[in-house]
């Protein structure tokens, strides 16, 4: 708890790279949710499940389209869960036509935007970008 009596946000950070990066991102989200529950601030199931998908998708794209590792930051506060994925590619994510056969994807970026109340892309001082997604607590939850 802070000096003002408000609860401090819970935070997790990790560096993700390679084929196991999406699984690592999901582990971090799960760990944060478990920590929040143990601290008496449970993450609503709908928020946790959405965050697992969003973090996995953003990290998958970062590993696929940017050279080198990416950073994942997850923050749980009273307003919801924030996910930041930072990578070395300055190009913002672009939607593309989804492949109905599922062979080449195209569903991820629309899914991230649908599950999140806010998504924005910011350039980093190093020349890459950070994709930020906010997943709010639904009315009446938590």
Foldseek 3Di string as FASTA:
>chain_A
DDPVPFDDKDKDKDKAEDPCRLVVQLVRLVVSQVVCVVVVRHADPLQSVLSSLLSSLVLVCQRVPAPDIWMWMWIQHQFFIKIKIWGQAADDDDADDADVVNPPGRVRVVSQPVQFPDWDWDADPNRTIMIMGTHGDDPPHD
